[in-house]
Amino acid sequence: MMSPFDLNRQNGKLESKIVVALERISEAFRVLLWDESKKNGLSPIQIQILIFLLFHTNEKCKVSYLANEFNMTKATVSDSVKLLLNKGLIKKMDDPADTRSYTIALTEEGKFTAENSANFAISIEKPLNSLSEEQNEAIFSGLMKIIDGLNKAGVITIQRMCFSCMHYQNSNGQHYCKLLQSKLATTDLRIDCPEHQ
């Protein structure tokens, strides 16, 4: 069997152990997100939408963009947006350039909820503080490559990371940003860049 969850394969293959470790971390995210959503009487995706709106610009705050961002159907995201509108946590703003389109933004209550919910995953960050800078850099570098590979394989869609940006260049293992006109250390790479193109 070719499953990373097969203990025989897992115990003999480091990559399988890493996959299972990532699955455990994913489970931690799900548990923390469910706990946060229960506190607010919202679904996990509704919490994720509020947090996304808090930290991203208006052009990304449209239903179609959110559907791609969260790898969900437009209908599923539309349902969540309707519920958030009904709860007074977001508001619609018409797009003057396209009467069929609108952006969504947080209301004051929505901003308060998003700010309080945005730290739901802080307990996952805490153990990283006990690792050395070199260990964290190696983890980050590996995760960036995994995310990039999953994106290129079509498993995950929108990625606003350096590796998929038109400004990014890699020459002999050296990262370079043409927009900043600067070399980048691994720790300078961005996983969610507002200037991504």
Protein backbone atom coordinates (compact mmCIF):
# COMPACT_ATOMS: atom_id res chain seq x y z
CA MET A 1 0.00 0.00 0.00
CA MET A 2 1.25 3.49 -0.89
CA SER A 3 -0.33 5.42 1.99
CA PRO A 4 1.72 7.56 4.36
CA PHE A 5 -0.68 6.37 7.07
CA ASP A 6 0.48 2.76 6.61
CA LEU A 7 2.72 2.30 9.66
CA ASN A 8 5.17 0.05 7.82
CA ARG A 9 5.68 2.68 5.12
CA GLN A 10 5.64 5.51 7.66
CA ASN A 11 8.28 3.99 9.89
CA GLY A 12 10.65 3.47 6.97
CA LYS A 13 10.11 6.71 5.04
CA LEU A 14 10.78 10.17 6.46
CA GLU A 15 8.51 11.83 3.87
CA SER A 16 5.58 9.74 5.13
CA LYS A 17 6.32 10.79 8.70
CA ILE A 18 6.31 14.43 7.58
CA VAL A 19 2.93 13.99 5.84
CA VAL A 20 1.44 12.48 9.02
CA ALA A 21 2.99 15.28 11.11
CA LEU A 22 1.42 17.88 8.81
CA GLU A 23 -1.92 16.07 9.13
CA ARG A 24 -1.66 16.31 12.94
CA ILE A 25 -0.94 20.05 12.69
CA SER A 26 -3.88 20.39 10.29
CA GLU A 27 -6.05 18.67 12.91
CA ALA A 28 -4.88 21.21 15.50
CA PHE A 29 -5.95 24.04 13.18
CA ARG A 30 -9.37 22.45 12.70
CA VAL A 31 -9.88 22.04 16.46
CA LEU A 32 -8.78 25.60 17.23
CA LEU A 33 -10.90 27.05 14.43
CA TRP A 34 -13.98 25.08 15.55
CA ASP A 35 -13.46 26.29 19.13
CA GLU A 36 -13.24 29.87 17.90
CA SER A 37 -16.30 29.52 15.69
CA LYS A 38 -18.37 28.08 18.57
CA LYS A 39 -17.44 31.05 20.77
CA ASN A 40 -18.85 33.40 18.14
CA GLY A 41 -21.80 31.34 16.91
CA LEU A 42 -20.27 31.23 13.43
CA SER A 43 -18.98 28.49 11.16
CA PRO A 44 -15.23 27.99 10.66
CA ILE A 45 -15.40 29.39 7.11
CA GLN A 46 -17.24 32.47 8.37
CA ILE A 47 -14.43 33.08 10.88
CA GLN A 48 -11.86 32.60 8.10
CA ILE A 49 -13.69 35.09 5.87
CA LEU A 50 -13.79 37.72 8.64
CA ILE A 51 -10.07 37.28 9.33
CA PHE A 52 -9.30 37.47 5.60
CA LEU A 53 -11.29 40.71 5.25
CA LEU A 54 -9.43 42.19 8.21
CA PHE A 55 -6.01 41.79 6.63
CA HIS A 56 -6.56 42.10 2.86
CA THR A 57 -7.33 44.91 0.43
CA ASN A 58 -10.73 45.62 -1.11
CA GLU A 59 -9.95 44.12 -4.54
CA LYS A 60 -9.53 40.72 -2.86
CA CYS A 61 -12.78 41.06 -0.89
CA LYS A 62 -15.18 39.68 -3.47
CA VAL A 63 -17.10 36.42 -3.34
CA SER A 64 -15.35 34.96 -6.40
CA TYR A 65 -11.90 35.76 -4.99
CA LEU A 66 -12.83 34.29 -1.59
CA ALA A 67 -14.10 31.12 -3.28
CA ASN A 68 -10.70 30.66 -4.94
CA GLU A 69 -8.85 31.64 -1.77
CA PHE A 70 -10.56 28.98 0.31
CA ASN A 71 -10.90 26.38 -2.47
CA MET A 72 -14.70 26.38 -2.18
CA THR A 73 -17.55 26.89 -4.58
CA LYS A 74 -18.85 30.39 -5.13
CA ALA A 75 -22.27 29.21 -3.87
CA THR A 76 -20.79 28.00 -0.55
CA VAL A 77 -18.98 31.28 0.01
CA SER A 78 -22.09 33.25 -1.03
CA ASP A 79 -24.11 31.43 1.65
CA SER A 80 -21.54 32.33 4.29
CA VAL A 81 -21.45 35.94 3.12
CA LYS A 82 -25.28 36.16 3.32
CA LEU A 83 -25.21 34.89 6.91
CA LEU A 84 -22.45 37.35 7.84
CA LEU A 85 -24.49 40.17 6.26
CA ASN A 86 -27.58 39.10 8.23
CA LYS A 87 -25.56 39.10 11.46
CA GLY A 88 -24.32 42.62 10.72
CA LEU A 89 -20.65 41.59 10.63
CA ILE A 90 -20.01 42.63 7.02
CA LYS A 91 -21.49 45.09 4.56
CA LYS A 92 -21.75 45.16 0.76
CA MET A 93 -20.19 47.93 -1.28
CA ASP A 94 -21.25 48.26 -4.92
CA ASP A 95 -18.55 48.20 -7.57
CA PRO A 96 -19.02 51.32 -9.73
CA ALA A 97 -17.14 49.64 -12.60
CA ASP A 98 -19.38 46.53 -12.60
CA THR A 99 -22.99 46.75 -11.42
CA ARG A 100 -23.18 42.95 -11.07
CA SER A 101 -20.24 42.89 -8.68
CA TYR A 102 -19.67 44.10 -5.16
CA THR A 103 -16.96 44.02 -2.53
CA ILE A 104 -17.55 43.16 1.08
CA ALA A 105 -16.09 44.90 4.09
CA LEU A 106 -16.23 44.50 7.83
CA THR A 107 -18.64 46.51 9.93
CA GLU A 108 -17.38 47.79 13.28
CA GLU A 109 -18.84 44.69 14.98
CA GLY A 110 -17.29 42.49 12.30
CA LYS A 111 -13.91 44.13 12.80
CA PHE A 112 -14.14 43.53 16.54
CA THR A 113 -15.03 39.86 15.98
CA ALA A 114 -12.26 39.42 13.39
CA GLU A 115 -9.62 41.05 15.61
CA ASN A 116 -10.58 38.83 18.55
CA SER A 117 -10.65 35.70 16.38
CA ALA A 118 -7.45 36.37 14.43
CA ASN A 119 -5.25 34.93 17.17
CA PHE A 120 -7.00 31.52 17.22
CA ALA A 121 -3.83 29.76 16.02
CA ILE A 122 -1.37 31.44 18.39
CA SER A 123 -0.96 28.20 20.37
CA ILE A 124 0.48 26.61 17.20
CA GLU A 125 3.03 29.42 16.95
CA LYS A 126 4.17 29.04 20.57
CA PRO A 127 6.12 25.76 20.15
CA LEU A 128 8.05 27.35 17.28
CA ASN A 129 9.50 29.83 19.77
CA SER A 130 11.37 26.97 21.44
CA LEU A 131 13.15 26.05 18.18
CA SER A 132 16.38 27.63 17.00
CA GLU A 133 16.32 30.23 14.24
CA GLU A 134 17.99 27.70 11.93
CA GLN A 135 15.30 25.08 12.65
CA ASN A 136 12.51 27.58 12.01
CA GLU A 137 14.19 28.72 8.79
CA ALA A 138 14.49 25.11 7.58
CA ILE A 139 10.82 24.42 8.41
CA PHE A 140 9.72 27.60 6.65
CA SER A 141 11.81 26.91 3.57
CA GLY A 142 10.47 23.36 3.32
CA LEU A 143 6.86 24.47 3.78
CA MET A 144 7.23 27.15 1.09
CA LYS A 145 8.42 24.47 -1.34
CA ILE A 146 5.55 22.14 -0.37
CA ILE A 147 2.96 24.90 -0.83
CA ASP A 148 4.49 25.88 -4.17
CA GLY A 149 4.41 22.23 -5.31
CA LEU A 150 0.78 21.82 -4.23
CA ASN A 151 -0.12 25.03 -6.03
CA LYS A 152 1.60 23.92 -9.25
CA ALA A 153 -0.18 20.56 -9.01
CA GLY A 154 -3.53 22.36 -8.73
CA VAL A 155 -4.30 21.02 -5.24
CA ILE A 156 -4.49 24.54 -3.82
CA THR A 157 -5.27 27.59 -5.89
CA ILE A 158 -4.43 31.18 -5.00
CA GLN A 159 -0.99 31.72 -3.53
CA ARG A 160 0.37 35.21 -2.98
CA MET A 161 3.85 33.92 -2.19
CA CYS A 162 7.20 34.93 -3.63
CA PHE A 163 7.64 31.74 -5.66
CA SER A 164 4.53 32.46 -7.79
CA CYS A 165 5.13 36.21 -8.20
CA MET A 166 6.26 37.85 -11.42
CA HIS A 167 8.73 39.95 -9.37
CA TYR A 168 10.48 36.88 -7.92
CA GLN A 169 13.67 35.50 -9.37
CA ASN A 170 15.83 32.60 -8.23
CA SER A 171 19.35 32.48 -9.55
CA ASN A 172 21.62 29.69 -8.29
CA GLY A 173 19.56 29.35 -5.11
CA GLN A 174 19.64 33.11 -4.42
CA HIS A 175 16.21 34.72 -3.96
CA TYR A 176 15.70 38.13 -5.57
CA CYS A 177 12.74 40.55 -5.72
CA LYS A 178 12.69 42.73 -8.85
CA LEU A 179 10.06 45.02 -7.28
CA LEU A 180 12.21 45.72 -4.21
CA GLN A 181 15.37 45.42 -6.32
CA SER A 182 16.89 43.44 -3.51
CA LYS A 183 18.27 40.02 -2.63
CA LEU A 184 16.09 38.17 -0.17
CA ALA A 185 17.16 35.88 2.64
CA THR A 186 14.94 32.84 3.16
CA THR A 187 13.42 34.59 6.17
CA ASP A 188 12.52 37.59 3.93
CA LEU A 189 10.36 35.45 1.62
CA ARG A 190 6.66 36.18 1.94
CA ILE A 191 3.88 33.66 2.05
CA ASP A 192 1.15 36.32 1.65
CA CYS A 193 2.49 39.42 -0.09
CA PRO A 194 0.27 42.47 -0.70
CA GLU A 195 2.38 43.38 -3.77
CA HIS A 196 2.09 39.89 -5.31
CA GLN A 197 1.48 39.83 -9.06
